[in-house]
C-alpha atoms as a PDB file:
ATOM      1  CA  MET A   1      73.229 118.952 113.038  1.00  0.00           C
ATOM      2  CA  ASN A   2      73.010 117.334 109.626  1.00  0.00           C
ATOM      3  CA  LYS A   3      75.842 117.443 107.104  1.00  0.00           C
ATOM      4  CA  ASP A   4      73.997 119.748 104.683  1.00  0.00           C
ATOM      5  CA  LYS A   5      73.511 122.384 107.377  1.00  0.00           C
ATOM      6  CA  SER A   6      77.185 122.285 108.386  1.00  0.00           C
ATOM      7  CA  ILE A   7      78.248 122.779 104.752  1.00  0.00           C
ATOM      8  CA  GLU A   8      75.951 125.796 104.428  1.00  0.00           C
ATOM      9  CA  MET A   9      77.288 127.361 107.613  1.00  0.00           C
ATOM     10  CA  LYS A  10      80.938 126.793 106.857  1.00  0.00           C
ATOM     11  CA  TYR A  11      80.971 127.784 103.183  1.00  0.00           C
ATOM     12  CA  SER A  12      79.270 130.340 100.949  1.00  0.00           C
ATOM     13  CA  SER A  13      76.020 129.180  99.377  1.00  0.00           C
ATOM     14  CA  LYS A  14      77.790 128.870  95.999  1.00  0.00           C
ATOM     15  CA  ALA A  15      80.492 126.601  97.400  1.00  0.00           C
ATOM     16  CA  GLY A  16      77.923 124.708  99.466  1.00  0.00           C
ATOM     17  CA  ASP A  17      75.826 123.988  96.360  1.00  0.00           C
ATOM     18  CA  ILE A  18      78.855 122.663  94.495  1.00  0.00           C
ATOM     19  CA  LEU A  19      80.046 120.518  97.403  1.00  0.00           C
ATOM     20  CA  GLN A  20      76.596 118.879  97.475  1.00  0.00           C
ATOM     21  CA  GLN A  21      77.214 117.730  93.876  1.00  0.00           C
ATOM     22  CA  ILE A  22      80.555 116.055  94.633  1.00  0.00           C
ATOM     23  CA  ASN A  23      81.011 112.694  96.328  1.00  0.00           C
ATOM     24  CA  SER A  24      83.472 109.803  96.201  1.00  0.00           C
ATOM     25  CA  LYS A  25      81.813 108.469  93.026  1.00  0.00           C
ATOM     26  CA  THR A  26      82.184 111.755  91.087  1.00  0.00           C
ATOM     27  CA  LYS A  27      84.272 111.252  87.949  1.00  0.00           C
ATOM     28  CA  LEU A  28      86.845 113.655  86.519  1.00  0.00           C
ATOM     29  CA  GLY A  29      84.636 114.277  83.489  1.00  0.00           C
ATOM     30  CA  GLU A  30      81.834 115.422  85.799  1.00  0.00           C
ATOM     31  CA  LEU A  31      84.225 117.823  87.557  1.00  0.00           C
ATOM     32  CA  ARG A  32      85.133 119.254  84.154  1.00  0.00           C
ATOM     33  CA  LYS A  33      81.423 119.782  83.360  1.00  0.00           C
ATOM     34  CA  ILE A  34      80.889 121.638  86.652  1.00  0.00           C
ATOM     35  CA  ALA A  35      84.013 123.735  85.940  1.00  0.00           C
ATOM     36  CA  LYS A  36      82.763 124.562  82.439  1.00  0.00           C
ATOM     37  CA  ASP A  37      79.586 126.031  83.906  1.00  0.00           C
ATOM     38  CA  ILE A  38      81.501 128.055  86.492  1.00  0.00           C
ATOM     39  CA  LYS A  39      84.277 129.176  84.077  1.00  0.00           C
ATOM     40  CA  LYS A  40      86.815 131.168  86.139  1.00  0.00           C
ATOM     41  CA  ASP A  41      86.206 132.056  89.776  1.00  0.00           C
ATOM     42  CA  HIS A  42      89.367 132.347  91.855  1.00  0.00           C
ATOM     43  CA  GLU A  43      87.575 133.211  95.092  1.00  0.00           C
ATOM     44  CA  LEU A  44      85.367 130.143  94.798  1.00  0.00           C
ATOM     45  CA  ALA A  45      88.427 128.063  93.864  1.00  0.00           C
ATOM     46  CA  MET A  46      90.182 129.111  97.067  1.00  0.00           C
ATOM     47  CA  GLU A  47      87.092 128.239  99.076  1.00  0.00           C
ATOM     48  CA  LEU A  48      86.915 124.779  97.501  1.00  0.00           C
ATOM     49  CA  TRP A  49      90.662 124.369  98.080  1.00  0.00           C
ATOM     50  CA  SER A  50      90.151 125.185 101.778  1.00  0.00           C
ATOM     51  CA  THR A  51      87.971 122.057 102.186  1.00  0.00           C
ATOM     52  CA  GLU A  52      91.225 120.017 102.145  1.00  0.00           C
ATOM     53  CA  ALA A  53      89.348 117.317 100.183  1.00  0.00           C
ATOM     54  CA  PHE A  54      90.785 115.753  97.016  1.00  0.00           C
ATOM     55  CA  LEU A  55      87.929 116.143  94.499  1.00  0.00           C
ATOM     56  CA  PRO A  56      86.977 119.712  95.508  1.00  0.00           C
ATOM     57  CA  ARG A  57      90.659 120.606  95.182  1.00  0.00           C
ATOM     58  CA  LEU A  58      90.780 119.133  91.662  1.00  0.00           C
ATOM     59  CA  LEU A  59      87.748 121.266  90.781  1.00  0.00           C
ATOM     60  CA  ALA A  60      89.395 124.312  92.383  1.00  0.00           C
ATOM     61  CA  ILE A  61      92.390 123.854  90.088  1.00  0.00           C
ATOM     62  CA  LEU A  62      90.126 123.973  87.020  1.00  0.00           C
ATOM     63  CA  ILE A  63      88.488 127.303  87.939  1.00  0.00           C
ATOM     64  CA  MET A  64      91.360 129.250  89.507  1.00  0.00           C
ATOM     65  CA  ASP A  65      92.930 132.276  87.805  1.00  0.00           C
ATOM     66  CA  LYS A  66      96.375 131.373  86.423  1.00  0.00           C
ATOM     67  CA  LYS A  67      97.402 135.054  86.544  1.00  0.00           C
ATOM     68  CA  LEU A  68      97.312 134.867  90.350  1.00  0.00           C
ATOM     69  CA  LEU A  69      99.614 131.832  90.622  1.00  0.00           C
ATOM     70  CA  SER A  70     102.845 133.291  91.974  1.00  0.00           C
ATOM     71  CA  GLN A  71     105.705 131.174  93.347  1.00  0.00           C
ATOM     72  CA  GLU A  72     104.477 132.026  96.841  1.00  0.00           C
ATOM     73  CA  VAL A  73     100.933 130.799  96.114  1.00  0.00           C
ATOM     74  CA  LEU A  74     102.274 127.635  94.463  1.00  0.00           C
ATOM     75  CA  ASN A  75     104.493 126.948  97.477  1.00  0.00           C
ATOM     76  CA  LYS A  76     101.405 127.147  99.690  1.00  0.00           C
ATOM     77  CA  PHE A  77      99.499 124.734  97.420  1.00  0.00           C
ATOM     78  CA  ASP A  78     102.511 122.429  97.517  1.00  0.00           C
ATOM     79  CA  LYS A  79     102.497 122.470 101.327  1.00  0.00           C
ATOM     80  CA  ASP A  80      98.731 121.826 101.373  1.00  0.00           C
ATOM     81  CA  MET A  81      99.140 118.859  99.003  1.00  0.00           C
ATOM     82  CA  GLN A  82     101.420 117.138 101.522  1.00  0.00           C
ATOM     83  CA  THR A  83      98.348 116.252 103.615  1.00  0.00           C
ATOM     84  CA  HIS A  84      97.143 113.947 100.798  1.00  0.00           C
ATOM     85  CA  THR A  85      98.186 110.383 100.015  1.00  0.00           C
ATOM     86  CA  PHE A  86     101.155 109.838  97.660  1.00  0.00           C
ATOM     87  CA  ASP A  87      98.917 109.224  94.614  1.00  0.00           C
ATOM     88  CA  GLU A  88      96.530 112.090  95.388  1.00  0.00           C
ATOM     89  CA  ARG A  89      99.262 114.694  95.784  1.00  0.00           C
ATOM     90  CA  ASN A  90     100.927 113.595  92.543  1.00  0.00           C
ATOM     91  CA  ASN A  91      97.537 113.791  90.811  1.00  0.00           C
ATOM     92  CA  LEU A  92      96.911 117.268  92.197  1.00  0.00           C
ATOM     93  CA  MET A  93     100.290 118.557  90.991  1.00  0.00           C
ATOM     94  CA  ASP A  94      99.940 116.897  87.565  1.00  0.00           C
ATOM     95  CA  TRP A  95      96.409 118.332  87.187  1.00  0.00           C
ATOM     96  CA  LEU A  96      97.681 121.793  88.212  1.00  0.00           C
ATOM     97  CA  MET A  97     100.523 121.519  85.707  1.00  0.00           C
ATOM     98  CA  ALA A  98      98.309 120.428  82.806  1.00  0.00           C
ATOM     99  CA  ASN A  99      95.314 122.705  83.457  1.00  0.00           C
ATOM    100  CA  GLN A 100      96.978 125.903  84.694  1.00  0.00           C
ATOM    101  CA  LEU A 101     100.770 126.066  84.747  1.00  0.00           C
ATOM    102  CA  THR A 102     101.214 125.233  81.037  1.00  0.00           C
ATOM    103  CA  LYS A 103      98.762 127.976  79.998  1.00  0.00           C
ATOM    104  CA  ASP A 104     100.750 131.091  80.860  1.00  0.00           C
ATOM    105  CA  LYS A 105     104.311 132.209  80.031  1.00  0.00           C
ATOM    106  CA  LYS A 106     104.890 133.336  83.617  1.00  0.00           C
ATOM    107  CA  THR A 107     103.966 129.980  85.161  1.00  0.00           C
ATOM    108  CA  ILE A 108     105.860 128.070  82.441  1.00  0.00           C
ATOM    109  CA  ALA A 109     108.943 130.099  83.409  1.00  0.00           C
ATOM    110  CA  LEU A 110     108.372 129.140  87.065  1.00  0.00           C
ATOM    111  CA  MET A 111     108.123 125.444  86.162  1.00  0.00           C
ATOM    112  CA  GLU A 112     111.278 125.649  84.091  1.00  0.00           C
ATOM    113  CA  SER A 113     113.118 126.939  87.184  1.00  0.00           C
ATOM    114  CA  TRP A 114     112.111 123.951  89.331  1.00  0.00           C
ATOM    115  CA  GLU A 115     114.676 121.338  88.234  1.00  0.00           C
ATOM    116  CA  LYS A 116     116.514 121.703  91.561  1.00  0.00           C
ATOM    117  CA  SER A 117     113.607 122.941  93.700  1.00  0.00           C
ATOM    118  CA  PRO A 118     113.646 121.683  97.322  1.00  0.00           C
ATOM    119  CA  SER A 119     110.091 120.459  96.678  1.00  0.00           C
ATOM    120  CA  ALA A 120     109.735 116.989  95.150  1.00  0.00           C
ATOM    121  CA  LEU A 121     106.353 117.962  93.666  1.00  0.00           C
ATOM    122  CA  GLN A 122     107.869 120.968  91.917  1.00  0.00           C
ATOM    123  CA  ARG A 123     110.744 118.871  90.575  1.00  0.00           C
ATOM    124  CA  ARG A 124     108.162 116.376  89.327  1.00  0.00           C
ATOM    125  CA  ALA A 125     106.328 119.190  87.514  1.00  0.00           C
ATOM    126  CA  PHE A 126     109.591 120.320  85.886  1.00  0.00           C
ATOM    127  CA  TRP A 127     110.268 116.854  84.410  1.00  0.00           C
ATOM    128  CA  TYR A 128     106.654 116.072  83.564  1.00  0.00           C
ATOM    129  CA  TYR A 129     106.337 119.375  81.684  1.00  0.00           C
ATOM    130  CA  GLN A 130     109.456 118.570  79.624  1.00  0.00           C
ATOM    131  CA  ALA A 131     107.900 115.208  78.743  1.00  0.00           C
ATOM    132  CA  ARG A 132     104.605 116.858  77.861  1.00  0.00           C
ATOM    133  CA  LEU A 133     106.305 119.142  75.330  1.00  0.00           C
ATOM    134  CA  ARG A 134     107.419 116.016  73.500  1.00  0.00           C
ATOM    135  CA  TRP A 135     104.353 113.789  73.694  1.00  0.00           C
ATOM    136  CA  THR A 136     101.950 116.563  72.663  1.00  0.00           C
ATOM    137  CA  GLY A 137     103.985 116.980  69.471  1.00  0.00           C
ATOM    138  CA  GLN A 138     105.342 120.431  70.291  1.00  0.00           C
ATOM    139  CA  THR A 139     108.877 121.089  69.084  1.00  0.00           C
ATOM    140  CA  PRO A 140     110.942 120.383  72.187  1.00  0.00           C
ATOM    141  CA  PRO A 141     113.496 122.920  73.394  1.00  0.00           C
ATOM    142  CA  ASP A 142     117.107 122.218  72.565  1.00  0.00           C
ATOM    143  CA  ASN A 143     117.838 120.737  75.985  1.00  0.00           C
ATOM    144  CA  THR A 144     117.559 116.979  75.402  1.00  0.00           C
ATOM    145  CA  GLU A 145     121.259 116.233  75.948  1.00  0.00           C
ATOM    146  CA  ASP A 146     121.304 118.189  79.239  1.00  0.00           C
ATOM    147  CA  LEU A 147     118.089 116.552  80.452  1.00  0.00           C
ATOM    148  CA  LEU A 148     119.347 113.047  79.701  1.00  0.00           C
ATOM    149  CA  SER A 149     122.675 113.682  81.424  1.00  0.00           C
ATOM    150  CA  ALA A 150     120.838 114.992  84.514  1.00  0.00           C
ATOM    151  CA  ILE A 151     118.516 111.955  84.503  1.00  0.00           C
ATOM    152  CA  GLU A 152     121.418 109.511  84.197  1.00  0.00           C
ATOM    153  CA  ALA A 153     123.227 111.227  87.077  1.00  0.00           C
ATOM    154  CA  ASN A 154     120.293 111.623  89.467  1.00  0.00           C
ATOM    155  CA  ILE A 155     117.367 109.281  88.764  1.00  0.00           C
ATOM    156  CA  THR A 156     118.376 106.483  91.124  1.00  0.00           C
ATOM    157  CA  GLN A 157     118.705 108.865  94.101  1.00  0.00           C
ATOM    158  CA  GLU A 158     115.496 110.802  93.406  1.00  0.00           C
ATOM    159  CA  GLU A 159     112.239 110.505  95.317  1.00  0.00           C
ATOM    160  CA  PRO A 160     109.701 108.113  93.722  1.00  0.00           C
ATOM    161  CA  ALA A 161     107.337 110.905  92.577  1.00  0.00           C
ATOM    162  CA  VAL A 162     110.172 112.617  90.693  1.00  0.00           C
ATOM    163  CA  GLN A 163     111.768 109.383  89.535  1.00  0.00           C
ATOM    164  CA  TRP A 164     108.582 108.459  87.672  1.00  0.00           C
ATOM    165  CA  ALA A 165     108.556 111.799  85.770  1.00  0.00           C
ATOM    166  CA  MET A 166     112.267 111.538  84.905  1.00  0.00           C
ATOM    167  CA  ASN A 167     111.721 107.998  83.639  1.00  0.00           C
ATOM    168  CA  PHE A 168     108.672 109.191  81.680  1.00  0.00           C
ATOM    169  CA  ILE A 169     110.579 111.880  79.801  1.00  0.00           C
ATOM    170  CA  ALA A 170     113.431 109.455  79.063  1.00  0.00           C
ATOM    171  CA  GLY A 171     110.765 107.241  77.490  1.00  0.00           C
ATOM    172  CA  TRP A 172     109.435 110.007  75.263  1.00  0.00           C
ATOM    173  CA  ILE A 173     112.918 111.121  74.244  1.00  0.00           C
ATOM    174  CA  GLY A 174     113.649 107.516  73.246  1.00  0.00           C
ATOM    175  CA  ILE A 175     110.433 107.307  71.238  1.00  0.00           C
ATOM    176  CA  TYR A 176     110.726 110.583  69.322  1.00  0.00           C
ATOM    177  CA  ASP A 177     114.471 111.066  69.029  1.00  0.00           C
ATOM    178  CA  GLN A 178     116.158 108.123  67.351  1.00  0.00           C
ATOM    179  CA  LYS A 179     119.598 109.585  68.086  1.00  0.00           C
ATOM    180  CA  TYR A 180     119.022 108.991  71.819  1.00  0.00           C
ATOM    181  CA  ARG A 181     116.914 105.816  71.639  1.00  0.00           C
ATOM    182  CA  ALA A 182     119.629 103.286  72.505  1.00  0.00           C
ATOM    183  CA  ARG A 183     120.820 105.498  75.348  1.00  0.00           C
ATOM    184  CA  CYS A 184     117.315 105.701  76.846  1.00  0.00           C
ATOM    185  CA  ILE A 185     116.826 101.929  76.569  1.00  0.00           C
ATOM    186  CA  LYS A 186     120.199 101.398  78.258  1.00  0.00           C
ATOM    187  CA  LEU A 187     119.179 103.785  81.045  1.00  0.00           C
ATOM    188  CA  GLY A 188     116.173 101.560  81.761  1.00  0.00           C
ATOM    189  CA  GLU A 189     118.297  98.415  81.703  1.00  0.00           C
ATOM    190  CA  ASN A 190     120.899  99.952  84.026  1.00  0.00           C
ATOM    191  CA  THR A 191     118.444 101.289  86.611  1.00  0.00           C
ATOM    192  CA  GLY A 192     116.004  98.370  86.354  1.00  0.00           C
ATOM    193  CA  LEU A 193     113.256 100.820  87.351  1.00  0.00           C
ATOM    194  CA  TYR A 194     109.715  99.402  86.940  1.00  0.00           C
ATOM    195  CA  LYS A 195     111.082  96.168  85.403  1.00  0.00           C
ATOM    196  CA  ASP A 196     108.898  93.931  87.575  1.00  0.00           C
ATOM    197  CA  GLU A 197     105.896  96.257  87.686  1.00  0.00           C
ATOM    198  CA  MET A 198     102.589  94.609  86.823  1.00  0.00           C
ATOM    199  CA  VAL A 199     100.429  96.659  84.449  1.00  0.00           C
ATOM    200  CA  SER A 200      96.771  96.299  83.523  1.00  0.00           C
ATOM    201  CA  LYS A 201      95.886  94.904  80.123  1.00  0.00           C
ATOM    202  CA  GLY A 202      96.159  97.581  77.431  1.00  0.00           C
ATOM    203  CA  CYS A 203      98.416  99.814  79.565  1.00  0.00           C
ATOM    204  CA  THR A 204     101.971 100.602  78.537  1.00  0.00           C
ATOM    205  CA  PRO A 205     104.600  99.512  81.084  1.00  0.00           C
ATOM    206  CA  ASN A 206     106.926 102.116  82.620  1.00  0.00           C
ATOM    207  CA  TYR A 207     110.037  99.947  82.130  1.00  0.00           C
ATOM    208  CA  LEU A 208     111.926 101.932  79.490  1.00  0.00           C
ATOM    209  CA  PRO A 209     112.961  99.140  77.063  1.00  0.00           C
ATOM    210  CA  GLU A 210     109.335  97.917  76.874  1.00  0.00           C
ATOM    211  CA  PHE A 211     107.761 101.398  76.955  1.00  0.00           C
ATOM    212  CA  ILE A 212     109.932 102.632  74.069  1.00  0.00           C
ATOM    213  CA  ALA A 213     109.517  99.450  71.991  1.00  0.00           C
ATOM    214  CA  ILE A 214     105.702  99.453  72.320  1.00  0.00           C
ATOM    215  CA  GLU A 215     105.270 103.164  71.534  1.00  0.00           C
ATOM    216  CA  VAL A 216     107.739 103.120  68.585  1.00  0.00           C
ATOM    217  CA  ASN A 217     105.952 100.071  67.195  1.00  0.00           C
ATOM    218  CA  LYS A 218     102.581 101.868  67.439  1.00  0.00           C
ATOM    219  CA  ARG A 219     103.949 104.820  65.462  1.00  0.00           C
ATOM    220  CA  ASN A 220     105.557 102.595  62.824  1.00  0.00           C
ATOM    221  CA  LYS A 221     102.189 100.929  62.188  1.00  0.00           C
ATOM    222  CA  ASN A 222     100.422 104.254  61.576  1.00  0.00           C
END
């Protein structure tokens, strides 16, 4: 039996047609174009999610209905993401956060409750969302002192996926809030996180003293 036939038999014709358009060379921009044509289709999203494949799951995230994302549903997604590689599951959670969870007060409230979630991916979303509030220029909530204290106390013991997001928000606090800048730089020096990481040309390093210096310098030039 050829692959096309097996896709048709296993999935609805709509899902089958879409899966024919996606392969390992498909770019994120192309997924967004497909999603734009579909708009919102939660049933189709769940069918694409059931493929267990990375790119169809990214597309599923774009077309699902945020109103149907309860804690229970998100816990199931979280469990499903564990079958992916480290980078893929982080990408899936970050994509879900940016494209769905930030768009509705109910799901924002869920994310804000995840600081101490037993799930590393949910804790990552909590910290990444706090960073996003700052780098997108929104007025951050009045929780910077509490966040920094929690980061200082816990970052070295955290799992790598969460550690990155905690480090990331410390970077953005240091960039935008001069009052805390020295403290954020010191945090990076004390933990030494990402100090020896090699980064591609044109990319900003994750090591806090360098990250903060580069981004502050960019803003001072503008």
